[in-house]
Amino acid sequence: MYQDERSVDNKSYISYSGSQYSVPIQYKNKQVDIYPTEQVLFVYDNQTGIQIACHSISSIPGQRIKDREGFRETTTKIHHLKDEVKNLIDDEFWREFA
């Protein structure tokens, strides 16, 4: 296993071996460290050394591998987000729909 550094693009992906792999959105446009094995790509915060992502390595070049959890904004609870959506438009019919 070897270490390498990768730049995270503005859509929160890194490139490795012809495919793209997601990282958490807070790493957008930053540098991360990768540790690939034969089957798994480990991604670490290069400042703290904490693992931030882990993906099975695609055998098909050109794939975009996404971990949906890394793209979620987790600091706000879901019921708060639902309330925000309901309050976007001042209309009772909209609130019932939303």
PDB file of N, CA and C in Angstrom:
ATOM      1  N   MET A   1       0.849  -1.178   0.000  1.00  0.00           N
ATOM      2  CA  MET A   1       0.000   0.000   0.000  1.00  0.00           C
ATOM      3  C   MET A   1       0.892   1.238   0.000  1.00  0.00           C
ATOM      4  N   TYR A   2       0.568   2.192  -0.854  1.00  0.00           N
ATOM      5  CA  TYR A   2       1.332   3.423  -0.918  1.00  0.00           C
ATOM      6  C   TYR A   2       0.420   4.622  -0.690  1.00  0.00           C
ATOM      7  N   GLN A   3       0.999   5.727  -0.314  1.00  0.00           N
ATOM      8  CA  GLN A   3       0.244   6.957  -0.085  1.00  0.00           C
ATOM      9  C   GLN A   3       0.444   7.890  -1.261  1.00  0.00           C
ATOM     10  N   ASP A   4      -0.603   8.617  -1.611  1.00  0.00           N
ATOM     11  CA  ASP A   4      -0.532   9.624  -2.654  1.00  0.00           C
ATOM     12  C   ASP A   4      -1.472  10.752  -2.262  1.00  0.00           C
ATOM     13  N   GLU A   5      -1.260  11.915  -2.854  1.00  0.00           N
ATOM     14  CA  GLU A   5      -2.116  13.063  -2.572  1.00  0.00           C
ATOM     15  C   GLU A   5      -2.984  13.341  -3.785  1.00  0.00           C
ATOM     16  N   ARG A   6      -4.219  13.738  -3.551  1.00  0.00           N
ATOM     17  CA  ARG A   6      -5.134  14.077  -4.627  1.00  0.00           C
ATOM     18  C   ARG A   6      -5.817  15.399  -4.325  1.00  0.00           C
ATOM     19  N   SER A   7      -6.156  16.127  -5.396  1.00  0.00           N
ATOM     20  CA  SER A   7      -6.941  17.354  -5.286  1.00  0.00           C
ATOM     21  C   SER A   7      -8.410  16.987  -5.438  1.00  0.00           C
ATOM     22  N   VAL A   8      -9.233  17.519  -4.561  1.00  0.00           N
ATOM     23  CA  VAL A   8     -10.677  17.307  -4.647  1.00  0.00           C
ATOM     24  C   VAL A   8     -11.235  18.386  -5.564  1.00  0.00           C
ATOM     25  N   ASP A   9     -12.057  17.994  -6.533  1.00  0.00           N
ATOM     26  CA  ASP A   9     -12.602  18.982  -7.466  1.00  0.00           C
ATOM     27  C   ASP A   9     -13.772  19.742  -6.848  1.00  0.00           C
ATOM     28  N   ASN A  10     -14.334  20.660  -7.613  1.00  0.00           N
ATOM     29  CA  ASN A  10     -15.403  21.501  -7.075  1.00  0.00           C
ATOM     30  C   ASN A  10     -16.737  20.764  -6.952  1.00  0.00           C
ATOM     31  N   LYS A  11     -16.788  19.506  -7.392  1.00  0.00           N
ATOM     32  CA  LYS A  11     -17.993  18.686  -7.213  1.00  0.00           C
ATOM     33  C   LYS A  11     -17.770  17.622  -6.147  1.00  0.00           C
ATOM     34  N   SER A  12     -16.638  17.712  -5.457  1.00  0.00           N
ATOM     35  CA  SER A  12     -16.299  16.834  -4.332  1.00  0.00           C
ATOM     36  C   SER A  12     -15.908  15.415  -4.758  1.00  0.00           C
ATOM     37  N   TYR A  13     -15.147  15.310  -5.847  1.00  0.00           N
ATOM     38  CA  TYR A  13     -14.629  14.031  -6.322  1.00  0.00           C
ATOM     39  C   TYR A  13     -13.115  14.093  -6.471  1.00  0.00           C
ATOM     40  N   ILE A  14     -12.482  12.931  -6.324  1.00  0.00           N
ATOM     41  CA  ILE A  14     -11.066  12.781  -6.643  1.00  0.00           C
ATOM     42  C   ILE A  14     -10.954  11.759  -7.773  1.00  0.00           C
ATOM     43  N   SER A  15      -9.870  11.821  -8.507  1.00  0.00           N
ATOM     44  CA  SER A  15      -9.624  10.860  -9.578  1.00  0.00           C
ATOM     45  C   SER A  15      -8.619   9.827  -9.109  1.00  0.00           C
ATOM     46  N   TYR A  16      -8.870   8.580  -9.490  1.00  0.00           N
ATOM     47  CA  TYR A  16      -7.923   7.510  -9.212  1.00  0.00           C
ATOM     48  C   TYR A  16      -8.127   6.419 -10.262  1.00  0.00           C
ATOM     49  N   SER A  17      -7.076   6.064 -10.933  1.00  0.00           N
ATOM     50  CA  SER A  17      -7.061   4.951 -11.874  1.00  0.00           C
ATOM     51  C   SER A  17      -8.196   5.027 -12.900  1.00  0.00           C
ATOM     52  N   GLY A  18      -8.436   6.233 -13.416  1.00  0.00           N
ATOM     53  CA  GLY A  18      -9.398   6.410 -14.489  1.00  0.00           C
ATOM     54  C   GLY A  18     -10.840   6.588 -14.061  1.00  0.00           C
ATOM     55  N   SER A  19     -11.120   6.542 -12.768  1.00  0.00           N
ATOM     56  CA  SER A  19     -12.476   6.743 -12.267  1.00  0.00           C
ATOM     57  C   SER A  19     -12.488   7.870 -11.248  1.00  0.00           C
ATOM     58  N   GLN A  20     -13.685   8.315 -10.884  1.00  0.00           N
ATOM     59  CA  GLN A  20     -13.827   9.376  -9.891  1.00  0.00           C
ATOM     60  C   GLN A  20     -14.538   8.834  -8.664  1.00  0.00           C
ATOM     61  N   TYR A  21     -14.074   9.278  -7.498  1.00  0.00           N
ATOM     62  CA  TYR A  21     -14.601   8.796  -6.222  1.00  0.00           C
ATOM     63  C   TYR A  21     -14.980   9.990  -5.358  1.00  0.00           C
ATOM     64  N   SER A  22     -16.129   9.902  -4.702  1.00  0.00           N
ATOM     65  CA  SER A  22     -16.614  11.019  -3.896  1.00  0.00           C
ATOM     66  C   SER A  22     -15.881  11.118  -2.560  1.00  0.00           C
ATOM     67  N   VAL A  23     -15.820  12.337  -2.067  1.00  0.00           N
ATOM     68  CA  VAL A  23     -15.347  12.613  -0.710  1.00  0.00           C
ATOM     69  C   VAL A  23     -16.369  13.566  -0.087  1.00  0.00           C
ATOM     70  N   PRO A  24     -16.401  13.692   1.239  1.00  0.00           N
ATOM     71  CA  PRO A  24     -17.364  14.603   1.863  1.00  0.00           C
ATOM     72  C   PRO A  24     -17.230  16.024   1.316  1.00  0.00           C
ATOM     73  N   ILE A  25     -18.368  16.712   1.213  1.00  0.00           N
ATOM     74  CA  ILE A  25     -18.406  18.023   0.561  1.00  0.00           C
ATOM     75  C   ILE A  25     -17.523  19.063   1.232  1.00  0.00           C
ATOM     76  N   GLN A  26     -17.217  18.914   2.508  1.00  0.00           N
ATOM     77  CA  GLN A  26     -16.370  19.912   3.164  1.00  0.00           C
ATOM     78  C   GLN A  26     -14.921  19.871   2.664  1.00  0.00           C
ATOM     79  N   TYR A  27     -14.565  18.875   1.854  1.00  0.00           N
ATOM     80  CA  TYR A  27     -13.208  18.782   1.293  1.00  0.00           C
ATOM     81  C   TYR A  27     -13.123  19.311  -0.134  1.00  0.00           C
ATOM     82  N   LYS A  28     -14.217  19.868  -0.620  1.00  0.00           N
ATOM     83  CA  LYS A  28     -14.251  20.423  -1.963  1.00  0.00           C
ATOM     84  C   LYS A  28     -13.095  21.407  -2.159  1.00  0.00           C
ATOM     85  N   ASN A  29     -12.361  21.261  -3.274  1.00  0.00           N
ATOM     86  CA  ASN A  29     -11.237  22.131  -3.638  1.00  0.00           C
ATOM     87  C   ASN A  29     -10.082  22.102  -2.638  1.00  0.00           C
ATOM     88  N   LYS A  30      -9.921  20.982  -1.934  1.00  0.00           N
ATOM     89  CA  LYS A  30      -8.818  20.810  -0.986  1.00  0.00           C
ATOM     90  C   LYS A  30      -7.985  19.605  -1.393  1.00  0.00           C
ATOM     91  N   GLN A  31      -6.946  19.344  -0.652  1.00  0.00           N
ATOM     92  CA  GLN A  31      -6.079  18.195  -0.880  1.00  0.00           C
ATOM     93  C   GLN A  31      -6.406  17.102   0.132  1.00  0.00           C
ATOM     94  N   VAL A  32      -6.363  15.847  -0.305  1.00  0.00           N
ATOM     95  CA  VAL A  32      -6.564  14.693   0.569  1.00  0.00           C
ATOM     96  C   VAL A  32      -5.486  13.663   0.263  1.00  0.00           C
ATOM     97  N   ASP A  33      -5.285  12.736   1.190  1.00  0.00           N
ATOM     98  CA  ASP A  33      -4.353  11.628   0.984  1.00  0.00           C
ATOM     99  C   ASP A  33      -5.143  10.379   0.637  1.00  0.00           C
ATOM    100  N   ILE A  34      -4.617   9.581  -0.274  1.00  0.00           N
ATOM    101  CA  ILE A  34      -5.251   8.308  -0.618  1.00  0.00           C
ATOM    102  C   ILE A  34      -4.286   7.165  -0.343  1.00  0.00           C
ATOM    103  N   TYR A  35      -4.861   6.028   0.032  1.00  0.00           N
ATOM    104  CA  TYR A  35      -4.130   4.788   0.240  1.00  0.00           C
ATOM    105  C   TYR A  35      -4.890   3.690  -0.496  1.00  0.00           C
ATOM    106  N   PRO A  36      -4.527   3.402  -1.726  1.00  0.00           N
ATOM    107  CA  PRO A  36      -5.226   2.343  -2.453  1.00  0.00           C
ATOM    108  C   PRO A  36      -4.656   0.959  -2.152  1.00  0.00           C
ATOM    109  N   THR A  37      -5.542  -0.024  -2.075  1.00  0.00           N
ATOM    110  CA  THR A  37      -5.133  -1.426  -2.026  1.00  0.00           C
ATOM    111  C   THR A  37      -5.602  -2.039  -3.351  1.00  0.00           C
ATOM    112  N   GLU A  38      -5.530  -3.332  -3.484  1.00  0.00           N
ATOM    113  CA  GLU A  38      -5.985  -3.959  -4.729  1.00  0.00           C
ATOM    114  C   GLU A  38      -7.482  -3.760  -4.953  1.00  0.00           C
ATOM    115  N   GLN A  39      -8.261  -3.720  -3.875  1.00  0.00           N
ATOM    116  CA  GLN A  39      -9.715  -3.667  -4.015  1.00  0.00           C
ATOM    117  C   GLN A  39     -10.370  -2.438  -3.402  1.00  0.00           C
ATOM    118  N   VAL A  40      -9.670  -1.725  -2.516  1.00  0.00           N
ATOM    119  CA  VAL A  40     -10.297  -0.631  -1.776  1.00  0.00           C
ATOM    120  C   VAL A  40      -9.443   0.629  -1.850  1.00  0.00           C
ATOM    121  N   LEU A  41     -10.123   1.765  -1.998  1.00  0.00           N
ATOM    122  CA  LEU A  41      -9.468   3.069  -1.977  1.00  0.00           C
ATOM    123  C   LEU A  41      -9.842   3.761  -0.668  1.00  0.00           C
ATOM    124  N   PHE A  42      -8.848   4.004   0.181  1.00  0.00           N
ATOM    125  CA  PHE A  42      -9.048   4.715   1.436  1.00  0.00           C
ATOM    126  C   PHE A  42      -8.644   6.167   1.231  1.00  0.00           C
ATOM    127  N   VAL A  43      -9.466   7.087   1.741  1.00  0.00           N
ATOM    128  CA  VAL A  43      -9.201   8.519   1.597  1.00  0.00           C
ATOM    129  C   VAL A  43      -9.134   9.128   2.986  1.00  0.00           C
ATOM    130  N   TYR A  44      -8.076   9.949   3.216  1.00  0.00           N
ATOM    131  CA  TYR A  44      -7.837  10.535   4.532  1.00  0.00           C
ATOM    132  C   TYR A  44      -7.688  12.050   4.448  1.00  0.00           C
ATOM    133  N   ASP A  45      -8.121  12.714   5.504  1.00  0.00           N
ATOM    134  CA  ASP A  45      -7.860  14.143   5.678  1.00  0.00           C
ATOM    135  C   ASP A  45      -6.353  14.295   5.833  1.00  0.00           C
ATOM    136  N   ASN A  46      -5.719  15.086   4.982  1.00  0.00           N
ATOM    137  CA  ASN A  46      -4.255  15.171   5.031  1.00  0.00           C
ATOM    138  C   ASN A  46      -3.752  16.052   6.176  1.00  0.00           C
ATOM    139  N   GLN A  47      -4.641  16.731   6.883  1.00  0.00           N
ATOM    140  CA  GLN A  47      -4.240  17.528   8.040  1.00  0.00           C
ATOM    141  C   GLN A  47      -4.325  16.725   9.339  1.00  0.00           C
ATOM    142  N   THR A  48      -5.396  15.944   9.486  1.00  0.00           N
ATOM    143  CA  THR A  48      -5.630  15.217  10.738  1.00  0.00           C
ATOM    144  C   THR A  48      -5.301  13.733  10.652  1.00  0.00           C
ATOM    145  N   GLY A  49      -5.252  13.189   9.441  1.00  0.00           N
ATOM    146  CA  GLY A  49      -5.012  11.763   9.274  1.00  0.00           C
ATOM    147  C   GLY A  49      -6.250  10.905   9.491  1.00  0.00           C
ATOM    148  N   ILE A  50      -7.422  11.527   9.636  1.00  0.00           N
ATOM    149  CA  ILE A  50      -8.667  10.801   9.858  1.00  0.00           C
ATOM    150  C   ILE A  50      -9.215  10.307   8.519  1.00  0.00           C
ATOM    151  N   GLN A  51      -9.671   9.048   8.516  1.00  0.00           N
ATOM    152  CA  GLN A  51     -10.280   8.496   7.301  1.00  0.00           C
ATOM    153  C   GLN A  51     -11.597   9.201   7.034  1.00  0.00           C
ATOM    154  N   ILE A  52     -11.778   9.697   5.799  1.00  0.00           N
ATOM    155  CA  ILE A  52     -12.990  10.436   5.444  1.00  0.00           C
ATOM    156  C   ILE A  52     -13.839   9.719   4.399  1.00  0.00           C
ATOM    157  N   ALA A  53     -13.267   8.735   3.718  1.00  0.00           N
ATOM    158  CA  ALA A  53     -14.019   7.988   2.709  1.00  0.00           C
ATOM    159  C   ALA A  53     -13.344   6.645   2.466  1.00  0.00           C
ATOM    160  N   CYS A  54     -14.136   5.719   1.948  1.00  0.00           N
ATOM    161  CA  CYS A  54     -13.641   4.389   1.614  1.00  0.00           C
ATOM    162  C   CYS A  54     -14.517   3.865   0.480  1.00  0.00           C
ATOM    163  N   HIS A  55     -13.900   3.454  -0.616  1.00  0.00           N
ATOM    164  CA  HIS A  55     -14.652   2.990  -1.787  1.00  0.00           C
ATOM    165  C   HIS A  55     -14.040   1.700  -2.327  1.00  0.00           C
ATOM    166  N   SER A  56     -14.898   0.829  -2.841  1.00  0.00           N
ATOM    167  CA  SER A  56     -14.409  -0.303  -3.617  1.00  0.00           C
ATOM    168  C   SER A  56     -13.882   0.263  -4.930  1.00  0.00           C
ATOM    169  N   ILE A  57     -12.728  -0.192  -5.353  1.00  0.00           N
ATOM    170  CA  ILE A  57     -12.127   0.317  -6.582  1.00  0.00           C
ATOM    171  C   ILE A  57     -12.859  -0.277  -7.787  1.00  0.00           C
ATOM    172  N   SER A  58     -13.261   0.593  -8.679  1.00  0.00           N
ATOM    173  CA  SER A  58     -13.985   0.181  -9.875  1.00  0.00           C
ATOM    174  C   SER A  58     -13.049  -0.529 -10.850  1.00  0.00           C
ATOM    175  N   SER A  59     -13.539  -1.608 -11.429  1.00  0.00           N
ATOM    176  CA  SER A  59     -12.754  -2.306 -12.450  1.00  0.00           C
ATOM    177  C   SER A  59     -13.041  -1.741 -13.837  1.00  0.00           C
ATOM    178  N   ILE A  60     -13.996  -0.802 -13.913  1.00  0.00           N
ATOM    179  CA  ILE A  60     -14.377  -0.193 -15.183  1.00  0.00           C
ATOM    180  C   ILE A  60     -13.928   1.270 -15.185  1.00  0.00           C
ATOM    181  N   PRO A  61     -12.949   1.638 -16.002  1.00  0.00           N
ATOM    182  CA  PRO A  61     -12.504   3.031 -16.055  1.00  0.00           C
ATOM    183  C   PRO A  61     -13.650   3.962 -16.459  1.00  0.00           C
ATOM    184  N   GLY A  62     -13.609   5.177 -15.944  1.00  0.00           N
ATOM    185  CA  GLY A  62     -14.608   6.172 -16.287  1.00  0.00           C
ATOM    186  C   GLY A  62     -15.817   6.189 -15.374  1.00  0.00           C
ATOM    187  N   GLN A  63     -15.852   5.322 -14.394  1.00  0.00           N
ATOM    188  CA  GLN A  63     -16.977   5.271 -13.465  1.00  0.00           C
ATOM    189  C   GLN A  63     -16.916   6.426 -12.476  1.00  0.00           C
ATOM    190  N   ARG A  64     -18.071   6.849 -11.994  1.00  0.00           N
ATOM    191  CA  ARG A  64     -18.161   7.859 -10.933  1.00  0.00           C
ATOM    192  C   ARG A  64     -18.785   7.154  -9.732  1.00  0.00           C
ATOM    193  N   ILE A  65     -17.980   6.958  -8.701  1.00  0.00           N
ATOM    194  CA  ILE A  65     -18.398   6.223  -7.518  1.00  0.00           C
ATOM    195  C   ILE A  65     -18.767   7.238  -6.433  1.00  0.00           C
ATOM    196  N   LYS A  66     -20.002   7.142  -5.930  1.00  0.00           N
ATOM    197  CA  LYS A  66     -20.508   8.146  -4.993  1.00  0.00           C
ATOM    198  C   LYS A  66     -21.006   7.505  -3.709  1.00  0.00           C
ATOM    199  N   ASP A  67     -20.574   8.057  -2.598  1.00  0.00           N
ATOM    200  CA  ASP A  67     -21.097   7.688  -1.287  1.00  0.00           C
ATOM    201  C   ASP A  67     -22.098   8.764  -0.901  1.00  0.00           C
ATOM    202  N   ARG A  68     -23.370   8.449  -0.938  1.00  0.00           N
ATOM    203  CA  ARG A  68     -24.421   9.450  -0.715  1.00  0.00           C
ATOM    204  C   ARG A  68     -24.303  10.123   0.648  1.00  0.00           C
ATOM    205  N   GLU A  69     -23.821   9.421   1.651  1.00  0.00           N
ATOM    206  CA  GLU A  69     -23.697  10.016   2.983  1.00  0.00           C
ATOM    207  C   GLU A  69     -22.729  11.197   2.993  1.00  0.00           C
ATOM    208  N   GLY A  70     -21.699  11.137   2.173  1.00  0.00           N
ATOM    209  CA  GLY A  70     -20.732  12.228   2.118  1.00  0.00           C
ATOM    210  C   GLY A  70     -21.292  13.515   1.551  1.00  0.00           C
ATOM    211  N   PHE A  71     -22.417  13.409   0.857  1.00  0.00           N
ATOM    212  CA  PHE A  71     -23.022  14.582   0.240  1.00  0.00           C
ATOM    213  C   PHE A  71     -24.156  15.161   1.079  1.00  0.00           C
ATOM    214  N   ARG A  72     -24.490  14.518   2.167  1.00  0.00           N
ATOM    215  CA  ARG A  72     -25.541  15.029   3.046  1.00  0.00           C
ATOM    216  C   ARG A  72     -24.985  16.086   3.977  1.00  0.00           C
ATOM    217  N   GLU A  73     -25.770  17.121   4.187  1.00  0.00           N
ATOM    218  CA  GLU A  73     -25.452  18.139   5.180  1.00  0.00           C
ATOM    219  C   GLU A  73     -26.024  17.600   6.489  1.00  0.00           C
ATOM    220  N   THR A  74     -25.149  17.222   7.426  1.00  0.00           N
ATOM    221  CA  THR A  74     -25.593  16.487   8.610  1.00  0.00           C
ATOM    222  C   THR A  74     -25.721  17.339   9.863  1.00  0.00           C
ATOM    223  N   THR A  75     -25.431  18.617   9.789  1.00  0.00           N
ATOM    224  CA  THR A  75     -25.513  19.441  10.994  1.00  0.00           C
ATOM    225  C   THR A  75     -26.940  19.873  11.300  1.00  0.00           C
ATOM    226  N   THR A  76     -27.837  19.816  10.326  1.00  0.00           N
ATOM    227  CA  THR A  76     -29.230  20.200  10.523  1.00  0.00           C
ATOM    228  C   THR A  76     -30.095  18.951  10.484  1.00  0.00           C
ATOM    229  N   LYS A  77     -30.989  18.829  11.450  1.00  0.00           N
ATOM    230  CA  LYS A  77     -31.876  17.668  11.510  1.00  0.00           C
ATOM    231  C   LYS A  77     -32.909  17.733  10.387  1.00  0.00           C
ATOM    232  N   ILE A  78     -33.374  16.570   9.943  1.00  0.00           N
ATOM    233  CA  ILE A  78     -34.275  16.487   8.802  1.00  0.00           C
ATOM    234  C   ILE A  78     -35.582  17.234   9.038  1.00  0.00           C
ATOM    235  N   HIS A  79     -36.115  17.196  10.260  1.00  0.00           N
ATOM    236  CA  HIS A  79     -37.388  17.887  10.496  1.00  0.00           C
ATOM    237  C   HIS A  79     -37.223  19.409  10.394  1.00  0.00           C
ATOM    238  N   HIS A  80     -36.034  19.930  10.708  1.00  0.00           N
ATOM    239  CA  HIS A  80     -35.777  21.367  10.526  1.00  0.00           C
ATOM    240  C   HIS A  80     -35.727  21.713   9.033  1.00  0.00           C
ATOM    241  N   LEU A  81     -35.123  20.836   8.252  1.00  0.00           N
ATOM    242  CA  LEU A  81     -35.056  21.066   6.810  1.00  0.00           C
ATOM    243  C   LEU A  81     -36.450  21.015   6.183  1.00  0.00           C
ATOM    244  N   LYS A  82     -37.280  20.083   6.633  1.00  0.00           N
ATOM    245  CA  LYS A  82     -38.651  19.999   6.128  1.00  0.00           C
ATOM    246  C   LYS A  82     -39.427  21.270   6.461  1.00  0.00           C
ATOM    247  N   ASP A  83     -39.254  21.781   7.679  1.00  0.00           N
ATOM    248  CA  ASP A  83     -39.929  23.027   8.068  1.00  0.00           C
ATOM    249  C   ASP A  83     -39.471  24.194   7.200  1.00  0.00           C
ATOM    250  N   GLU A  84     -38.177  24.244   6.882  1.00  0.00           N
ATOM    251  CA  GLU A  84     -37.656  25.309   6.018  1.00  0.00           C
ATOM    252  C   GLU A  84     -38.328  25.265   4.640  1.00  0.00           C
ATOM    253  N   VAL A  85     -38.467  24.065   4.094  1.00  0.00           N
ATOM    254  CA  VAL A  85     -39.099  23.924   2.778  1.00  0.00           C
ATOM    255  C   VAL A  85     -40.559  24.364   2.836  1.00  0.00           C
ATOM    256  N   LYS A  86     -41.263  23.955   3.883  1.00  0.00           N
ATOM    257  CA  LYS A  86     -42.672  24.340   4.020  1.00  0.00           C
ATOM    258  C   LYS A  86     -42.847  25.856   4.108  1.00  0.00           C
ATOM    259  N   ASN A  87     -41.871  26.535   4.686  1.00  0.00           N
ATOM    260  CA  ASN A  87     -41.971  27.981   4.870  1.00  0.00           C
ATOM    261  C   ASN A  87     -41.414  28.794   3.703  1.00  0.00           C
ATOM    262  N   LEU A  88     -40.989  28.146   2.643  1.00  0.00           N
ATOM    263  CA  LEU A  88     -40.458  28.871   1.490  1.00  0.00           C
ATOM    264  C   LEU A  88     -41.526  29.715   0.799  1.00  0.00           C
ATOM    265  N   ILE A  89     -42.749  29.211   0.776  1.00  0.00           N
ATOM    266  CA  ILE A  89     -43.843  29.923   0.109  1.00  0.00           C
ATOM    267  C   ILE A  89     -44.979  30.097   1.120  1.00  0.00           C
ATOM    268  N   ASP A  90     -45.471  31.320   1.209  1.00  0.00           N
ATOM    269  CA  ASP A  90     -46.536  31.627   2.158  1.00  0.00           C
ATOM    270  C   ASP A  90     -47.893  31.253   1.563  1.00  0.00           C
ATOM    271  N   ASP A  91     -48.165  29.938   1.563  1.00  0.00           N
ATOM    272  CA  ASP A  91     -49.413  29.438   1.009  1.00  0.00           C
ATOM    273  C   ASP A  91     -49.755  28.126   1.706  1.00  0.00           C
ATOM    274  N   GLU A  92     -50.952  28.029   2.250  1.00  0.00           N
ATOM    275  CA  GLU A  92     -51.365  26.839   2.996  1.00  0.00           C
ATOM    276  C   GLU A  92     -51.369  25.590   2.111  1.00  0.00           C
ATOM    277  N   PHE A  93     -51.816  25.733   0.847  1.00  0.00           N
ATOM    278  CA  PHE A  93     -51.815  24.600  -0.087  1.00  0.00           C
ATOM    279  C   PHE A  93     -50.385  24.073  -0.294  1.00  0.00           C
ATOM    280  N   TRP A  94     -49.412  24.974  -0.413  1.00  0.00           N
ATOM    281  CA  TRP A  94     -48.001  24.587  -0.562  1.00  0.00           C
ATOM    282  C   TRP A  94     -47.510  23.831   0.664  1.00  0.00           C
ATOM    283  N   ARG A  95     -47.841  24.348   1.861  1.00  0.00           N
ATOM    284  CA  ARG A  95     -47.394  23.682   3.099  1.00  0.00           C
ATOM    285  C   ARG A  95     -47.944  22.252   3.187  1.00  0.00           C
ATOM    286  N   GLU A  96     -49.208  22.101   2.783  1.00  0.00           N
ATOM    287  CA  GLU A  96     -49.806  20.768   2.807  1.00  0.00           C
ATOM    288  C   GLU A  96     -49.126  19.857   1.784  1.00  0.00           C
ATOM    289  N   PHE A  97     -48.807  20.407   0.617  1.00  0.00           N
ATOM    290  CA  PHE A  97     -48.122  19.644  -0.426  1.00  0.00           C
ATOM    291  C   PHE A  97     -46.725  19.241   0.038  1.00  0.00           C
ATOM    292  N   ALA A  98     -46.009  20.199   0.583  1.00  0.00           N
ATOM    293  CA  ALA A  98     -44.626  19.945   1.021  1.00  0.00           C
ATOM    294  C   ALA A  98     -44.614  19.027   2.222  1.00  0.00           C
TER     295      ALA A  98
END
